[in-house]
Amino acid sequence: MAGKNHFSVSDRFEYLQGLVTEFQDTDSEEAKEQVLANLANFAYNPSNIEALRLLQINELFLDMLTEENENFVEFGIGGLCNLSMERESRDLILQSGGVPLVIFCLSSNTDETVLSAITTLMNLTTATSRAETTDSHAALLPHTEPAPQNLASVFLEEAREELQGQSQSAVGIPLPKNRRLLFLNVIVPGQSVNAEIVI
């Protein structure tokens, strides 16, 4: 495999640590944006996950979700979206209380931020986190763009199908008492789509 660079975990760690140091040391918002964008992209490569985890990059990404700079938020949620595809990183995001911060991104005016937030919530949804990740969508989409609407519909439909498959309840047969019915009203200008999800 000539021509391919293979870096050790320590090499990756050193390089990524340099990016984090640059982010912390610079006063330039543009430079910070560039570093965040790079870190978010590196989070997509499974070879970088261990080094990113050691550097606690998930915490940096979570911190960006409350910033006023929309690019910080977009790159932060994009990085979390990439990290959340890997089980241990997903668990770290959940343990850090990241779900409310991700939910906050659903109200962004930037479609990329909303798409990444929905995808991150999909990735963070487990048997134990489902109530927290799906309870949030009462006013999911004030956007007119079809991409966020479509992705939210997929998320809600998958959640409903999974829960219906688990409950095996027929119409007219009450659900077990430890379940509750969640009514979601996805708000889109000019229309309203209702969904029922059993939790």
Protein backbone atom coordinates (compact mmCIF):
# COMPACT_ATOMS: atom_id res chain seq x y z
CA MET A 1 0.00 0.00 0.00
CA ALA A 2 2.53 2.53 -1.13
CA GLY A 3 1.54 6.15 -0.90
CA LYS A 4 -0.72 5.74 2.11
CA ASN A 5 0.29 7.39 5.35
CA HIS A 6 -0.25 5.35 8.48
CA PHE A 7 -0.03 7.34 11.68
CA SER A 8 0.19 5.85 15.13
CA VAL A 9 -2.25 6.79 17.86
CA SER A 10 0.48 8.90 19.48
CA ASP A 11 1.13 10.75 16.18
CA ARG A 12 -2.59 11.41 15.78
CA PHE A 13 -2.85 12.51 19.39
CA GLU A 14 0.07 14.92 19.03
CA TYR A 15 -1.34 16.49 15.86
CA LEU A 16 -4.87 16.83 17.25
CA GLN A 17 -3.50 18.19 20.54
CA GLY A 18 -1.72 20.86 18.50
CA LEU A 19 -5.06 21.85 16.95
CA VAL A 20 -6.71 22.09 20.37
CA THR A 21 -3.83 24.21 21.66
CA GLU A 22 -4.16 26.48 18.61
CA PHE A 23 -7.90 26.83 19.29
CA GLN A 24 -7.25 27.77 22.91
CA ASP A 25 -4.40 30.17 22.21
CA THR A 26 -5.71 32.18 19.28
CA ASP A 27 -7.85 35.29 19.61
CA SER A 28 -8.95 35.10 15.99
CA GLU A 29 -12.53 33.85 15.55
CA GLU A 30 -11.72 32.89 11.96
CA ALA A 31 -8.80 30.73 13.12
CA LYS A 32 -11.00 29.14 15.79
CA GLU A 33 -13.65 28.37 13.15
CA GLN A 34 -11.02 26.72 10.94
CA VAL A 35 -9.72 24.58 13.80
CA LEU A 36 -13.26 23.54 14.81
CA ALA A 37 -14.08 22.62 11.22
CA ASN A 38 -10.92 20.51 11.04
CA LEU A 39 -11.65 18.78 14.35
CA ALA A 40 -15.22 18.05 13.23
CA ASN A 41 -13.88 16.49 10.04
CA PHE A 42 -11.29 14.45 11.95
CA ALA A 43 -14.10 13.13 14.16
CA TYR A 44 -15.53 11.38 11.09
CA ASN A 45 -12.49 9.08 10.78
CA PRO A 46 -12.66 6.12 13.19
CA SER A 47 -8.84 6.07 13.32
CA ASN A 48 -8.94 9.40 15.17
CA ILE A 49 -11.59 8.50 17.74
CA GLU A 50 -9.23 7.26 20.46
CA ALA A 51 -7.04 10.37 20.26
CA LEU A 52 -10.10 12.65 20.20
CA ARG A 53 -11.52 10.86 23.22
CA LEU A 54 -8.24 11.28 25.13
CA LEU A 55 -8.35 15.00 24.32
CA GLN A 56 -11.98 15.20 25.47
CA ILE A 57 -12.98 16.81 22.18
CA ASN A 58 -16.61 15.91 22.87
CA GLU A 59 -16.55 18.46 25.72
CA LEU A 60 -15.13 21.13 23.41
CA PHE A 61 -17.86 20.42 20.85
CA LEU A 62 -20.55 20.54 23.57
CA ASP A 63 -19.17 23.88 24.80
CA MET A 64 -19.54 25.32 21.30
CA LEU A 65 -23.29 24.65 21.21
CA THR A 66 -24.03 27.63 23.46
CA GLU A 67 -21.82 30.12 21.61
CA GLU A 68 -23.28 33.14 19.83
CA ASN A 69 -21.10 32.52 16.77
CA GLU A 70 -23.29 30.37 14.47
CA ASN A 71 -20.21 28.79 12.85
CA PHE A 72 -18.96 27.62 16.24
CA VAL A 73 -22.36 26.02 16.84
CA GLU A 74 -22.47 24.47 13.35
CA PHE A 75 -18.98 22.96 13.61
CA GLY A 76 -19.55 21.87 17.22
CA ILE A 77 -22.76 19.98 16.40
CA GLY A 78 -21.14 18.62 13.23
CA GLY A 79 -18.30 17.21 15.31
CA LEU A 80 -20.72 15.71 17.83
CA CYS A 81 -22.70 14.21 14.96
CA ASN A 82 -19.56 12.47 13.70
CA LEU A 83 -18.46 11.35 17.17
CA SER A 84 -21.89 10.04 18.10
CA MET A 85 -21.68 7.33 15.44
CA GLU A 86 -19.18 5.48 17.66
CA ARG A 87 -20.62 3.73 20.72
CA GLU A 88 -18.15 4.84 23.41
CA SER A 89 -18.21 8.44 22.20
CA ARG A 90 -22.02 8.33 22.09
CA ASP A 91 -22.05 7.15 25.68
CA LEU A 92 -19.68 9.96 26.72
CA ILE A 93 -21.96 12.55 25.11
CA LEU A 94 -24.96 11.08 26.93
CA GLN A 95 -23.07 10.96 30.26
CA SER A 96 -22.02 14.59 29.80
CA GLY A 97 -25.65 15.65 29.62
CA GLY A 98 -25.30 16.58 25.97
CA VAL A 99 -28.86 15.85 24.84
CA PRO A 100 -30.38 19.19 26.00
CA LEU A 101 -27.57 21.08 24.23
CA VAL A 102 -28.18 19.12 21.04
CA ILE A 103 -31.91 19.77 21.33
CA PHE A 104 -31.17 23.49 21.65
CA CYS A 105 -29.60 23.34 18.16
CA LEU A 106 -32.96 22.32 16.65
CA SER A 107 -34.03 25.96 16.88
CA SER A 108 -31.10 27.22 14.80
CA ASN A 109 -31.74 29.21 11.64
CA THR A 110 -28.91 27.29 9.94
CA ASP A 111 -30.16 24.18 8.16
CA GLU A 112 -26.80 22.38 8.47
CA THR A 113 -26.93 22.85 12.23
CA VAL A 114 -30.48 21.49 12.39
CA LEU A 115 -29.61 18.50 10.18
CA SER A 116 -26.59 17.65 12.33
CA ALA A 117 -28.67 18.04 15.51
CA ILE A 118 -31.38 15.67 14.25
CA THR A 119 -28.79 13.13 13.08
CA THR A 120 -26.97 13.41 16.42
CA LEU A 121 -30.22 12.76 18.29
CA MET A 122 -30.81 9.72 16.07
CA ASN A 123 -27.30 8.46 16.92
CA LEU A 124 -27.79 9.16 20.64
CA THR A 125 -31.08 7.28 20.82
CA THR A 126 -30.70 4.04 22.75
CA ALA A 127 -33.10 1.97 24.81
CA THR A 128 -32.17 4.00 27.89
CA SER A 129 -31.94 7.45 26.28
CA ARG A 130 -34.99 7.25 24.01
CA ALA A 131 -37.30 9.18 26.34
CA GLU A 132 -34.83 12.06 26.52
CA THR A 133 -33.97 12.17 22.80
CA THR A 134 -37.53 11.83 21.48
CA ASP A 135 -39.31 13.93 24.12
CA SER A 136 -37.87 17.06 22.58
CA HIS A 137 -39.64 17.38 19.29
CA ALA A 138 -42.85 19.23 20.14
CA ALA A 139 -41.83 22.11 17.90
CA LEU A 140 -39.15 20.43 15.84
CA LEU A 141 -39.11 22.26 12.56
CA PRO A 142 -39.86 25.89 11.97
CA HIS A 143 -37.81 25.51 8.75
CA THR A 144 -39.07 25.75 5.21
CA GLU A 145 -36.25 23.69 3.70
CA PRO A 146 -37.20 20.10 2.84
CA ALA A 147 -33.98 18.43 4.07
CA PRO A 148 -34.56 19.09 7.81
CA GLN A 149 -38.26 18.25 7.41
CA ASN A 150 -37.48 14.96 5.69
CA LEU A 151 -34.81 13.92 8.18
CA ALA A 152 -37.08 14.72 11.13
CA SER A 153 -39.84 12.65 9.52
CA VAL A 154 -37.46 9.70 9.14
CA PHE A 155 -36.38 10.03 12.78
CA LEU A 156 -39.94 10.16 14.07
CA GLU A 157 -41.05 7.29 11.85
CA GLU A 158 -38.12 5.10 12.91
CA ALA A 159 -38.83 5.84 16.56
CA ARG A 160 -42.50 4.99 16.09
CA GLU A 161 -41.78 1.76 14.20
CA GLU A 162 -39.22 0.64 16.77
CA LEU A 163 -41.58 1.31 19.64
CA GLN A 164 -44.51 -0.35 17.89
CA GLY A 165 -42.35 -3.40 17.27
CA GLN A 166 -41.39 -3.52 20.94
CA SER A 167 -44.86 -2.98 22.35
CA GLN A 168 -46.70 -5.46 20.09
CA SER A 169 -49.90 -3.74 21.17
CA ALA A 170 -52.97 -4.07 18.99
CA VAL A 171 -55.52 -1.32 18.58
CA GLY A 172 -57.84 -1.24 21.57
CA ILE A 173 -55.48 -3.19 23.83
CA PRO A 174 -54.03 -0.93 26.53
CA LEU A 175 -50.29 -0.54 26.78
CA PRO A 176 -48.47 -1.60 29.93
CA LYS A 177 -48.70 1.01 32.67
CA ASN A 178 -44.99 1.82 32.48
CA ARG A 179 -45.45 3.14 28.90
CA ARG A 180 -46.75 6.54 27.91
CA LEU A 181 -48.05 7.94 24.67
CA LEU A 182 -46.18 10.97 23.37
CA PHE A 183 -47.95 13.20 20.87
CA LEU A 184 -45.57 15.10 18.65
CA ASN A 185 -46.67 18.04 16.60
CA VAL A 186 -44.08 18.82 13.95
CA ILE A 187 -44.69 22.41 13.00
CA VAL A 188 -43.93 23.44 9.44
CA PRO A 189 -45.15 26.73 7.97
CA GLY A 190 -48.52 26.10 6.33
CA GLN A 191 -48.96 22.60 7.70
CA SER A 192 -48.87 20.56 10.88
CA VAL A 193 -47.99 16.89 11.04
CA ASN A 194 -48.96 14.89 14.12
CA ALA A 195 -47.19 11.75 15.21
CA GLU A 196 -47.90 9.44 18.10
CA ILE A 197 -45.00 7.65 19.75
CA VAL A 198 -45.30 5.17 22.59
CA ILE A 199 -42.61 5.49 25.21
